[in-house]
């Protein structure tokens, strides 16, 4: 009988790995605590609206993009529609639409043309390497051999990439003599914060080149919201004989002789496994393992700094109060100074006019987010619940003020307003402290690999390189699925 794979969490990374393994002949079970798949890239219903839970834009569907590669492997029809401009950036002194030809950006920052030429070349190599299944950092002899094959296949292009592997995006800007333009640095920082969870001084240059390419390669809407991507994967898993079970919150990973042998859910059900994939943060996996958590994972969760969280507004907005030609996605930068996030930078996505399933007639579903630190929300909630409510109102007011400045009349058009904090995300997604988006992508040589310290258990999702975005977690899932196939033959199972 086929080996059994259990996947904890129906996020895009977990579902992608599950579908690839089901296609290879494994018996796959995905366990999801919520009533819908997708995790932080899911879509939920409320009062006639379909709101995106977290992620609101998806990229990587271009030829040789991660979703296109996965689509070919699984024979999928994603049913997505491209949206151009990808989004519009509202800086204090200018408005810059990010279109696939990138011309508006060059027009807004005329001295940057050569920078974008280099970025385009680096990103093209990055996309090519990712499409070939580059396993970074390699964790086994097999992955090291795969890495060398990919590297040799791409010479001499790899040589152009090499210097950028050791520099930050800011050093790249310095080398390009662009750091004397504070508006352009602010523009780049704002894009990198949403795509790599850090700004130019922290983000690795190679990673940044690919992250900055998202708009040029195009962003896409899925019918019904971001959850539509997850639903396509669920349908494929089930068609291949696997199962995706919702309302199954895993409460324990059971370990014997250093291997995961089963998981137990809140309902008391036990699911045996020959290999376990955890679409979780390291902290969440550590909690499920309890005393069986390996020393390395315990050290990591005790010492690793928490990632970003999000403060979100889920809004129902009257469509007739908005300009008819208004693009669906916007980024608002409040000032040229100060740290980004915490309402100095706000991202807004509106459901497309063509998708009538997303909102009641005459309305649009809108998601507005800003980066925020997670722990302060828990601290204020514990010490003073009234102050917690006041802080939510303060953040919401600041965010709506930014939007109103660019889109007059927006605030008056709001028919429904639901704020959410990292506490909200933790409740609905189970992510430790409500962290979203994965870890900042700084040094390429200190990235988080899928290894957990348990021989037959791997992390998948935005905690592992390349992290953030549905495209990023799909690449991580492809790597993890290949690792499982190498280590566990499809017809090899542990008898109970």
Protein backbone atom coordinates (compact mmCIF):
# COMPACT_ATOMS: atom_id res chain seq x y z
CA UNK A 1 0.00 0.00 0.00
CA UNK A 2 1.16 3.57 -0.73
CA UNK A 3 3.01 5.58 1.90
CA UNK A 4 0.89 7.98 3.91
CA UNK A 5 1.52 11.73 3.91
CA UNK A 6 -0.19 14.01 6.42
CA UNK A 7 -0.13 17.77 5.83
CA UNK A 8 -1.02 20.10 8.71
CA UNK A 9 -2.62 23.24 7.30
CA UNK A 10 -4.32 23.93 3.97
CA UNK A 11 -2.31 27.01 3.04
CA UNK A 12 -1.09 27.31 -0.54
CA UNK A 13 2.29 25.75 0.33
CA UNK A 14 0.73 22.75 2.06
CA UNK A 15 -1.87 22.22 -0.67
CA UNK A 16 0.71 22.48 -3.45
CA UNK A 17 2.99 19.90 -1.82
CA UNK A 18 -0.02 17.67 -1.14
CA UNK A 19 -1.16 17.83 -4.77
CA UNK A 20 2.32 17.02 -6.09
CA UNK A 21 2.63 14.04 -3.75
CA UNK A 22 -0.87 12.79 -4.55
CA UNK A 23 0.03 12.92 -8.23
CA UNK A 24 3.14 10.83 -7.47
CA UNK A 25 0.94 8.13 -5.91
CA UNK A 26 1.15 8.82 -2.16
CA UNK A 27 -1.90 8.66 0.09
CA UNK A 28 -2.33 12.26 1.14
CA UNK A 29 -4.45 13.79 3.91
CA UNK A 30 -4.54 17.53 4.54
CA UNK A 31 -5.91 18.65 7.91
CA UNK A 32 -7.21 22.22 8.19
CA UNK A 33 -8.58 23.80 11.36
CA UNK A 34 -10.70 26.37 9.52
CA UNK A 35 -13.84 25.80 7.45
CA UNK A 36 -12.15 26.96 4.24
CA UNK A 37 -8.75 26.28 2.60
CA UNK A 38 -6.05 28.80 1.80
CA UNK A 39 -4.84 29.91 5.23
CA UNK A 40 -3.48 33.45 4.99
CA UNK A 41 -4.30 33.32 1.26
CA UNK A 42 -7.86 32.16 1.83
CA UNK A 43 -11.20 33.89 1.34
CA UNK A 44 -14.01 34.00 3.90
CA UNK A 45 -17.70 34.95 3.78
CA UNK A 46 -19.33 37.67 5.86
CA UNK A 47 -22.66 39.44 5.28
CA UNK A 48 -22.65 38.78 1.55
CA UNK A 49 -18.97 39.66 1.02
CA UNK A 50 -16.08 37.38 0.15
CA UNK A 51 -13.08 38.92 1.87
CA UNK A 52 -9.47 37.90 1.31
CA UNK A 53 -8.16 36.82 4.71
CA UNK A 54 -4.65 38.15 4.16
CA UNK A 55 -2.87 38.05 0.79
CA UNK A 56 -4.74 39.98 -1.89
CA UNK A 57 -2.45 39.84 -4.94
CA UNK A 58 -0.94 36.80 -6.60
CA UNK A 59 1.94 36.65 -9.05
CA UNK A 60 3.98 33.90 -10.65
CA UNK A 61 1.50 32.83 -13.34
CA UNK A 62 3.68 34.08 -16.20
CA UNK A 63 5.47 31.47 -18.39
CA UNK A 64 8.03 29.68 -16.18
CA UNK A 65 6.63 31.42 -13.12
CA UNK A 66 6.09 29.18 -10.08
CA UNK A 67 2.34 28.80 -10.54
CA UNK A 68 2.78 28.13 -14.24
CA UNK A 69 5.34 25.39 -13.44
CA UNK A 70 3.01 23.84 -10.85
CA UNK A 71 0.10 24.14 -13.29
CA UNK A 72 1.98 22.16 -15.95
CA UNK A 73 2.99 19.46 -13.47
CA UNK A 74 -0.57 19.04 -12.21
CA UNK A 75 -2.51 19.91 -15.39
CA UNK A 76 -4.33 22.77 -13.68
CA UNK A 77 -6.56 25.51 -15.02
CA UNK A 78 -6.02 28.37 -12.60
CA UNK A 79 -8.78 30.54 -14.14
CA UNK A 80 -6.94 33.72 -13.07
CA UNK A 81 -7.14 37.13 -14.75
CA UNK A 82 -4.23 39.56 -15.04
CA UNK A 83 -4.58 43.08 -13.65
CA UNK A 84 -2.52 45.95 -15.04
CA UNK A 85 -1.38 48.13 -13.36
CA UNK A 86 -0.32 45.72 -10.66
CA UNK A 87 -0.92 48.52 -8.17
CA UNK A 88 -0.55 52.28 -7.88
CA UNK A 89 1.98 53.75 -5.44
CA UNK A 90 0.91 57.03 -3.84
CA UNK A 91 4.03 58.84 -2.59
CA UNK A 92 3.71 62.23 -0.91
CA UNK A 93 4.98 64.03 -4.02
CA UNK A 94 3.98 61.75 -6.91
CA UNK A 95 1.74 58.89 -8.03
CA UNK A 96 3.41 55.94 -9.74
CA UNK A 97 1.44 53.11 -11.41
CA UNK A 98 3.36 49.83 -11.61
CA UNK A 99 2.63 48.50 -15.07
CA UNK A 100 4.10 45.55 -16.94
CA UNK A 101 6.13 47.80 -19.24
CA UNK A 102 7.57 49.66 -16.19
CA UNK A 103 7.56 52.89 -18.20
CA UNK A 104 5.64 54.90 -15.61
CA UNK A 105 8.28 54.08 -12.99
CA UNK A 106 11.10 55.20 -15.28
CA UNK A 107 9.17 58.37 -16.10
CA UNK A 108 8.72 59.09 -12.38
CA UNK A 109 12.42 58.42 -11.66
CA UNK A 110 14.30 59.24 -14.91
CA UNK A 111 17.78 58.46 -13.56
CA UNK A 112 16.86 54.83 -12.80
CA UNK A 113 16.64 53.37 -16.32
CA UNK A 114 19.96 51.49 -16.06
CA UNK A 115 19.03 50.18 -12.62
CA UNK A 116 15.85 48.66 -14.06
CA UNK A 117 17.78 47.14 -16.96
CA UNK A 118 20.02 45.33 -14.47
CA UNK A 119 17.04 44.38 -12.33
CA UNK A 120 15.28 42.86 -15.34
CA UNK A 121 18.32 40.72 -16.23
CA UNK A 122 18.81 39.54 -12.63
CA UNK A 123 15.13 38.77 -12.21
CA UNK A 124 15.01 36.82 -15.47
CA UNK A 125 17.85 34.64 -14.20
CA UNK A 126 16.11 34.31 -10.84
CA UNK A 127 12.85 33.16 -12.41
CA UNK A 128 14.76 30.73 -14.67
CA UNK A 129 16.63 29.20 -11.73
CA UNK A 130 13.45 28.85 -9.69
CA UNK A 131 11.66 27.14 -12.58
CA UNK A 132 14.47 24.57 -12.63
CA UNK A 133 13.85 23.66 -8.98
CA UNK A 134 16.84 25.36 -7.36
CA UNK A 135 17.07 23.87 -3.81
CA UNK A 136 18.43 26.67 -1.62
CA UNK A 137 20.10 26.22 0.83
CA UNK A 138 20.88 22.56 -0.02
CA UNK A 139 20.27 20.22 2.93
CA UNK A 140 21.42 16.90 1.50
CA UNK A 141 23.87 15.43 -0.98
CA UNK A 142 21.02 14.98 -3.44
CA UNK A 143 20.04 18.64 -3.20
CA UNK A 144 23.68 19.71 -3.48
CA UNK A 145 24.00 17.65 -6.66
CA UNK A 146 20.80 19.19 -8.01
CA UNK A 147 22.14 22.65 -7.21
CA UNK A 148 25.40 22.02 -9.09
CA UNK A 149 23.50 20.71 -12.13
CA UNK A 150 21.32 23.82 -12.23
CA UNK A 151 24.34 26.10 -11.73
CA UNK A 152 26.36 24.46 -14.51
CA UNK A 153 23.37 24.58 -16.83
CA UNK A 154 23.10 28.34 -16.37
CA UNK A 155 26.72 29.39 -16.86
CA UNK A 156 27.88 32.07 -17.60
CA UNK A 157 24.74 33.84 -16.37
CA UNK A 158 25.44 32.67 -12.82
CA UNK A 159 28.61 34.77 -12.83
CA UNK A 160 26.60 37.99 -13.19
CA UNK A 161 24.44 36.96 -10.24
CA UNK A 162 27.35 36.13 -7.95
CA UNK A 163 28.34 39.64 -6.75
CA UNK A 164 24.74 40.47 -5.83
CA UNK A 165 24.52 37.41 -3.57
CA UNK A 166 26.73 39.21 -1.05
CA UNK A 167 25.19 42.67 -1.05
CA UNK A 168 22.01 44.30 0.16
CA UNK A 169 19.57 46.08 -2.11
CA UNK A 170 20.74 49.38 -0.59
CA UNK A 171 24.36 48.59 -1.54
CA UNK A 172 23.11 47.85 -5.04
CA UNK A 173 21.41 51.27 -5.06
CA UNK A 174 24.67 52.85 -3.85
CA UNK A 175 26.59 51.10 -6.62
CA UNK A 176 24.01 52.49 -9.06
CA UNK A 177 24.45 56.00 -7.57
CA UNK A 178 20.78 56.24 -6.65
CA UNK A 179 20.91 56.66 -2.88
CA UNK A 180 21.05 60.43 -3.30
CA UNK A 181 17.39 60.29 -4.43
CA UNK A 182 15.42 59.81 -1.19
CA UNK A 183 12.12 59.51 -3.05
CA UNK A 184 13.39 56.57 -5.10
CA UNK A 185 14.88 54.85 -2.05
CA UNK A 186 11.54 55.29 -0.28
CA UNK A 187 9.76 53.85 -3.31
CA UNK A 188 12.04 50.79 -3.37
CA UNK A 189 11.77 50.34 0.40
CA UNK A 190 7.99 50.36 0.19
CA UNK A 191 7.96 47.66 -2.51
CA UNK A 192 10.47 45.46 -0.68
CA UNK A 193 8.59 45.66 2.60
CA UNK A 194 5.55 43.98 1.08
CA UNK A 195 7.53 41.48 -0.99
CA UNK A 196 10.48 40.55 1.24
CA UNK A 197 9.39 41.72 4.71
CA UNK A 198 12.30 44.15 5.01
CA UNK A 199 13.59 47.30 3.32
CA UNK A 200 16.60 47.90 1.07
CA UNK A 201 19.16 48.04 3.88
CA UNK A 202 18.20 44.53 4.95
CA UNK A 203 16.97 42.81 1.78
CA UNK A 204 19.39 40.72 -0.26
CA UNK A 205 20.00 42.18 -3.70
CA UNK A 206 19.29 39.02 -5.76
CA UNK A 207 16.10 38.32 -3.85
CA UNK A 208 15.14 41.99 -4.26
CA UNK A 209 15.59 41.89 -8.04
CA UNK A 210 13.05 39.09 -8.33
CA UNK A 211 10.72 40.61 -5.73
CA UNK A 212 10.70 43.93 -7.59
CA UNK A 213 9.80 42.05 -10.77
CA UNK A 214 6.34 41.07 -9.51
CA UNK A 215 4.60 44.06 -11.06
CA UNK A 216 6.37 43.66 -14.41
CA UNK A 217 5.44 39.99 -14.58
CA UNK A 218 1.86 40.82 -13.65
CA UNK A 219 -0.48 40.26 -10.72
CA UNK A 220 -3.66 38.26 -11.02
CA UNK A 221 -7.17 37.97 -9.60
CA UNK A 222 -8.73 34.58 -8.95
CA UNK A 223 -12.51 34.39 -9.38
CA UNK A 224 -14.11 34.49 -5.93
CA UNK A 225 -10.97 35.90 -4.31
CA UNK A 226 -7.55 34.54 -3.38
CA UNK A 227 -9.20 31.44 -1.98
CA UNK A 228 -9.93 30.41 -5.55
CA UNK A 229 -6.28 29.38 -5.94
CA UNK A 230 -6.60 27.09 -2.93
CA UNK A 231 -9.88 25.66 -4.21
CA UNK A 232 -8.28 24.63 -7.52
CA UNK A 233 -5.59 22.75 -5.56
CA UNK A 234 -8.17 21.08 -3.29
CA UNK A 235 -10.10 19.87 -6.32
CA UNK A 236 -6.92 18.41 -7.80
CA UNK A 237 -5.93 16.67 -4.56
CA UNK A 238 -9.34 15.05 -4.29
CA UNK A 239 -9.36 14.07 -7.98
CA UNK A 240 -6.02 12.33 -7.38
CA UNK A 241 -7.44 10.33 -4.48
CA UNK A 242 -6.27 12.52 -1.59
CA UNK A 243 -8.44 14.20 1.01
CA UNK A 244 -8.65 17.69 2.49
CA UNK A 245 -10.46 17.71 5.82
CA UNK A 246 -11.62 21.01 7.31
CA UNK A 247 -12.56 21.63 10.97
CA UNK A 248 -9.69 19.35 11.97
CA UNK A 249 -7.39 21.28 14.29
CA UNK A 250 -4.23 19.28 15.05
CA UNK A 251 -3.38 19.37 18.75
CA UNK A 252 -0.48 16.94 18.91
CA UNK A 253 2.25 15.43 16.75
CA UNK A 254 3.08 11.96 18.05
CA UNK A 255 6.74 10.92 17.83
CA UNK A 256 8.37 7.52 18.25
CA UNK A 257 12.09 6.79 17.90
CA UNK A 258 12.72 10.26 16.49
CA UNK A 259 10.05 10.03 13.77
CA UNK A 260 6.55 11.43 13.51
CA UNK A 261 4.14 8.50 13.46
CA UNK A 262 0.75 10.23 13.67
CA UNK A 263 -1.11 13.41 14.54
CA UNK A 264 -4.06 13.84 16.89
CA UNK A 265 -6.81 16.40 16.34
CA UNK A 266 -9.06 18.30 18.72
CA UNK A 267 -11.89 15.93 17.81
CA UNK A 268 -9.80 13.02 19.10
CA UNK A 269 -9.12 11.58 15.65
CA UNK A 270 -5.67 10.13 14.98
CA UNK A 271 -4.06 10.14 11.53
CA UNK A 272 -1.02 7.88 11.04
CA UNK A 273 1.74 9.12 8.76
CA UNK A 274 4.94 7.93 7.13
CA UNK A 275 5.94 11.53 6.41
CA UNK A 276 4.61 14.75 7.93
CA UNK A 277 4.50 18.20 6.33
CA UNK A 278 3.75 21.15 8.61
CA UNK A 279 2.36 24.24 6.88
CA UNK A 280 3.09 26.09 10.11
CA UNK A 281 5.49 28.53 11.73
CA UNK A 282 8.38 26.93 13.66
CA UNK A 283 6.75 28.05 16.92
CA UNK A 284 3.48 26.29 16.08
CA UNK A 285 5.26 23.06 15.19
CA UNK A 286 7.31 23.25 18.39
CA UNK A 287 4.10 23.59 20.41
CA UNK A 288 2.51 20.55 18.72
CA UNK A 289 5.61 18.43 19.42
CA UNK A 290 5.76 19.36 23.11
CA UNK A 291 8.44 17.39 24.93
CA UNK A 292 9.33 15.64 21.67
CA UNK A 293 10.47 18.87 20.03
CA UNK A 294 14.13 18.49 18.94
CA UNK A 295 16.76 20.74 20.57
CA UNK A 296 17.44 22.75 17.43
CA UNK A 297 13.79 23.65 16.97
CA UNK A 298 13.52 24.62 20.64
CA UNK A 299 16.56 26.88 20.32
CA UNK A 300 15.16 28.50 17.21
CA UNK A 301 11.80 29.29 18.77
CA UNK A 302 13.50 30.65 21.90
CA UNK A 303 15.89 32.94 20.05
CA UNK A 304 14.40 33.87 16.65
CA UNK A 305 12.82 37.32 16.54
CA UNK A 306 9.12 37.32 15.63
CA UNK A 307 8.20 38.28 12.09
CA UNK A 308 5.76 40.95 11.04
CA UNK A 309 2.05 40.91 11.68
CA UNK A 310 -0.71 42.83 9.94
CA UNK A 311 -3.41 45.23 11.03
CA UNK A 312 -6.27 44.81 8.56
CA UNK A 313 -9.53 46.48 7.66
CA UNK A 314 -12.11 44.39 5.83
CA UNK A 315 -14.46 46.92 4.27
CA UNK A 316 -17.66 46.81 2.30
CA UNK A 317 -17.70 49.89 0.05
CA UNK A 318 -20.39 51.33 -2.22
CA UNK A 319 -19.06 51.01 -5.75
CA UNK A 320 -20.89 54.07 -7.14
CA UNK A 321 -18.91 56.35 -4.79
CA UNK A 322 -15.58 55.34 -6.37
CA UNK A 323 -14.07 56.66 -9.62
CA UNK A 324 -15.09 54.43 -12.51
CA UNK A 325 -11.52 53.91 -13.75
CA UNK A 326 -9.94 53.35 -10.33
CA UNK A 327 -7.35 50.49 -10.37
CA UNK A 328 -7.99 47.64 -7.94
CA UNK A 329 -4.74 47.83 -5.91
CA UNK A 330 -3.03 50.78 -4.22
CA UNK A 331 -0.13 51.45 -1.89
CA UNK A 332 -0.17 54.65 0.16
CA UNK A 333 3.09 56.02 1.60
CA UNK A 334 2.35 58.62 4.28
CA UNK A 335 5.74 60.38 4.42
CA UNK A 336 9.30 60.25 3.09
CA UNK A 337 10.73 59.75 6.58
CA UNK A 338 10.38 57.31 9.44
CA UNK A 339 10.11 53.54 9.55
CA UNK A 340 7.63 52.01 7.12
CA UNK A 341 4.72 49.97 8.42
CA UNK A 342 2.52 50.79 11.43
CA UNK A 343 0.29 52.89 9.07
CA UNK A 344 3.08 54.88 7.38
CA UNK A 345 2.55 52.48 4.48
CA UNK A 346 -0.84 51.02 3.64
CA UNK A 347 -1.84 48.51 0.96
CA UNK A 348 -5.42 48.38 -0.34
CA UNK A 349 -7.06 45.84 -2.64
CA UNK A 350 -10.59 46.03 -4.00
CA UNK A 351 -12.55 43.15 -5.50
CA UNK A 352 -12.65 43.55 -9.29
CA UNK A 353 -15.81 44.91 -10.88
CA UNK A 354 -16.10 41.83 -13.09
CA UNK A 355 -16.35 39.48 -10.07
CA UNK A 356 -19.92 39.87 -8.82
CA UNK A 357 -19.46 36.95 -6.40
CA UNK A 358 -17.30 39.05 -4.08
CA UNK A 359 -19.88 41.54 -2.75
CA UNK A 360 -23.59 42.41 -2.68
CA UNK A 361 -24.89 44.22 -5.75
CA UNK A 362 -23.49 47.73 -5.99
CA UNK A 363 -20.67 47.09 -3.49
CA UNK A 364 -17.05 45.96 -3.48
CA UNK A 365 -15.07 43.94 -0.94
CA UNK A 366 -11.96 45.85 0.14
CA UNK A 367 -8.97 44.69 2.21
CA UNK A 368 -6.59 47.28 3.67
CA UNK A 369 -3.42 46.28 5.55
CA UNK A 370 -0.37 47.75 7.24
CA UNK A 371 2.67 46.01 8.71
CA UNK A 372 2.67 45.92 12.51
CA UNK A 373 4.69 44.31 15.30
CA UNK A 374 2.80 41.43 16.87
CA UNK A 375 3.73 41.41 20.56
CA UNK A 376 2.47 44.93 21.45
CA UNK A 377 -1.10 43.98 20.50
CA UNK A 378 -1.04 41.03 22.88
CA UNK A 379 0.50 43.15 25.63
CA UNK A 380 -2.11 45.89 25.42
CA UNK A 381 -4.97 43.38 25.19
CA UNK A 382 -3.78 41.68 28.36
CA UNK A 383 -3.17 44.88 30.30
CA UNK A 384 -6.11 47.02 29.17
CA UNK A 385 -8.83 45.67 26.80
CA UNK A 386 -10.32 49.15 26.46
CA UNK A 387 -6.95 50.49 25.26
CA UNK A 388 -6.79 47.60 22.79
CA UNK A 389 -10.08 48.74 21.27
CA UNK A 390 -8.90 52.36 21.19
CA UNK A 391 -5.68 51.34 19.46
CA UNK A 392 -7.66 49.53 16.76
CA UNK A 393 -9.72 52.69 16.20
CA UNK A 394 -6.54 54.78 15.99
CA UNK A 395 -4.93 52.53 13.39
CA UNK A 396 -8.14 52.36 11.35
CA UNK A 397 -8.50 56.13 11.35
CA UNK A 398 -4.91 56.67 10.20
CA UNK A 399 -5.27 54.16 7.37
CA UNK A 400 -8.55 55.61 6.15
CA UNK A 401 -7.08 59.10 6.29
CA UNK A 402 -4.30 58.05 3.90
CA UNK A 403 -6.84 56.55 1.50
CA UNK A 404 -9.18 59.55 1.73
CA UNK A 405 -6.34 61.89 0.80
CA UNK A 406 -5.83 60.01 -2.48
CA UNK A 407 -9.46 58.98 -3.11
CA UNK A 408 -11.80 61.69 -1.79
CA UNK A 409 -15.16 60.35 -0.61
CA UNK A 410 -13.84 56.88 0.15
CA UNK A 411 -14.54 57.02 3.89
CA UNK A 412 -18.17 58.08 3.35
CA UNK A 413 -18.68 55.14 0.96
CA UNK A 414 -17.92 52.51 3.64
CA UNK A 415 -20.94 50.34 4.44
CA UNK A 416 -19.13 47.73 6.54
CA UNK A 417 -15.92 48.05 8.57
CA UNK A 418 -14.24 45.09 10.32
CA UNK A 419 -10.78 45.69 11.83
CA UNK A 420 -8.39 42.86 12.66
CA UNK A 421 -5.09 42.67 14.52
CA UNK A 422 -2.43 39.97 14.97
CA UNK A 423 -4.67 38.63 17.75
CA UNK A 424 -7.37 38.12 15.11
CA UNK A 425 -4.96 36.35 12.78
CA UNK A 426 -3.80 34.02 15.54
CA UNK A 427 -7.40 33.08 16.35
CA UNK A 428 -8.38 32.28 12.76
CA UNK A 429 -5.13 30.92 11.32
CA UNK A 430 -3.35 29.49 14.38
CA UNK A 431 -0.15 31.29 13.37
CA UNK A 432 2.04 32.03 16.38
CA UNK A 433 1.18 35.51 17.74
CA UNK A 434 -0.57 36.21 14.42
CA UNK A 435 2.62 36.54 12.37
CA UNK A 436 2.12 36.64 8.60
CA UNK A 437 4.37 36.89 5.56
CA UNK A 438 7.30 34.79 6.71
CA UNK A 439 10.76 35.96 7.71
CA UNK A 440 12.71 38.92 6.27
CA UNK A 441 14.81 37.79 3.30
CA UNK A 442 18.22 39.19 4.21
CA UNK A 443 21.31 36.99 3.79
CA UNK A 444 20.96 34.21 1.23
CA UNK A 445 23.24 32.13 3.41
CA UNK A 446 21.04 32.21 6.52
CA UNK A 447 17.67 31.33 5.01
CA UNK A 448 15.28 28.98 6.79
CA UNK A 449 15.29 25.51 5.18
CA UNK A 450 12.45 22.95 5.48
CA UNK A 451 14.36 20.80 8.02
CA UNK A 452 12.84 20.42 11.49
CA UNK A 453 15.20 18.09 13.34
CA UNK A 454 12.78 15.17 12.89
CA UNK A 455 13.80 12.84 10.09
CA UNK A 456 10.39 12.51 8.43
CA UNK A 457 8.98 15.97 9.12
CA UNK A 458 9.37 19.11 7.02
CA UNK A 459 8.12 22.66 7.23
CA UNK A 460 6.36 24.10 4.21
CA UNK A 461 4.86 27.55 3.65
CA UNK A 462 6.22 31.06 4.10
CA UNK A 463 8.59 30.14 6.96
CA UNK A 464 10.96 28.45 4.50
CA UNK A 465 12.90 30.04 1.64
CA UNK A 466 11.85 31.77 -0.58
CA UNK A 467 9.02 32.64 1.81
CA UNK A 468 6.44 35.36 1.25
CA UNK A 469 3.72 35.19 -1.48
CA UNK A 470 1.79 32.37 -3.10
CA UNK A 471 4.57 32.14 -5.71
CA UNK A 472 7.23 31.81 -3.02
CA UNK A 473 5.45 29.14 -1.01
CA UNK A 474 4.76 27.18 -4.20
CA UNK A 475 8.49 27.02 -4.93
CA UNK A 476 9.13 25.84 -1.38
CA UNK A 477 6.41 23.22 -1.75
CA UNK A 478 7.94 21.89 -4.97
CA UNK A 479 11.28 21.48 -3.22
CA UNK A 480 9.72 19.72 -0.22
CA UNK A 481 7.70 17.36 -2.42
CA UNK A 482 10.85 16.38 -4.31
CA UNK A 483 12.65 15.79 -1.00
CA UNK A 484 9.87 13.48 0.21
CA UNK A 485 9.94 11.51 -3.04
CA UNK A 486 13.69 10.95 -2.71
CA UNK A 487 13.53 9.88 0.91
CA UNK A 488 10.32 7.83 0.95
CA UNK A 489 9.44 5.55 -1.96
CA UNK A 490 5.76 5.76 -2.76
CA UNK A 491 5.20 2.07 -1.93
CA UNK A 492 7.13 2.17 1.35
CA UNK A 493 5.10 2.52 4.55
CA UNK A 494 5.65 1.83 8.23
CA UNK A 495 3.30 -0.88 9.45
CA UNK A 496 1.59 -0.11 12.75
